[in-house]
Each structure stands twice: as structure tokens, then as C-alpha cells.
Amino acid sequence: REVRSMSANVIFGILLAGILSGNYAIVHFLGTGAVITNRRPVGQSLVLGLGTTVVMVLCALITWPINTYLLNAADYLQTMVFMAVVIGVVELLHVLFHKVLDDLCHADYVRFGINGAVLGMCIENTSLGFGESLVTALAVGIGFTVVLLLYSRLREAVWDEDAVPAPFRGLPISLLTAGMIALALLALKF
């Protein structure tokens, strides 16, 4: 593949798309489970989102060359190999930063490894150039963090759970909220 230089406009466009109009957690519905079931306060959610962003960037850094140079003729192995890379990166981060992450957010490392947004990003990045792949991973991670923070803040702001009708409490109201946020983000597509 040829190496292309990216202009500031391209980088800015990728960042905007990953954060807003192409948000993986809300628009693509990848990794939504980690967002909707999040019961952490905003500070811990920020650490979790930033951790997911780091995992995404590291996975993009590893999976792009693997796909380009090793899996070119064996596309059927892509998902399995990428999943192994994601689990390996998560385990490496767990070994290296276990104490720090546990102190900051009581990190659930399984959430990093089974996050559909990470694997989806790795698979969708295979059609991009290396630089675009890394910028996209960063943008998708930031977008995931924004949605995670938004959900945490909405959960903290709802003081009276009794205001929500009984059939809509819990998962139903979370899914309705996700749908409304998705509609708002889709309005930003241009």
C-alpha cells in the first residue's frame, strides 16, 4: 500500500466523524453494552474511556500491519487474530498498570477485552492507510469516552428514579436515551 500524507483537514474530519457523526457506541451500536451498563461516577468513567482509547490505538498499531502483511491472503482468520491481539493488549495493560487502574477506577479488564467497539474498529480500519487507521482509532476512542461520560453524567443527574414509569426503569430507559442521542448525532452527519 502506498503511504499518503494526511492534511490537517483530513485529520480534523476523521476526528469529527469518530467523535460525533460516526460514533461507534451510539451510531454503529458497537460497545454499547459497556456504556449502557456503566454505573461508575464521571471520574471513573473518564479513566475507563481513556483506557479503552489506549487499547484502541494500541490494537490499531498492531492489527493494521498484521492484516496488511500477514493476513492478506487469509481474510477468514482476521476476526480470530484480531480478537487474540485485543486480549493480548488488554492483558499486557493489566499486568503493567494493574495497581494504577484499580486505584483510579476499579477497572474491569474484561470490559476492555470484550468491548465490541475495539474489535469493530480493528476490522473497519483494515481498509484505511496506517496513519488514517491510528487517527481513526484515536477518534473512535474519544467518541466512546464522550458517550461514556454523557451516560455517567445523565445517570448522576437523575435524582428521582421514581419519576421514570416502572416499565421503563433500567435498561429500557437506557436504550431510549441511546436512541435519542443517536438521532441527535445522526443530525450532525454531512
Foldseek 3Di string as FASTA:
>chain_A
DDDDDDDPVRLVVLLCCLQFQVACVQQVVFQVVVQQPDQFALQLLLVVLVVLLVLLLVLLLPLQCCCVPPCVPPVVCNLVVSLVSSVVSLVVCCVVCVVVSCVRHNDDSVSSSPGRLSSVLSVVLNVDDSVSSNSNSNSNSNNVSVSSSVSNVVVVVPPDQVVDPPVCPRPNVSVVVSNVSNVVRNVVDD
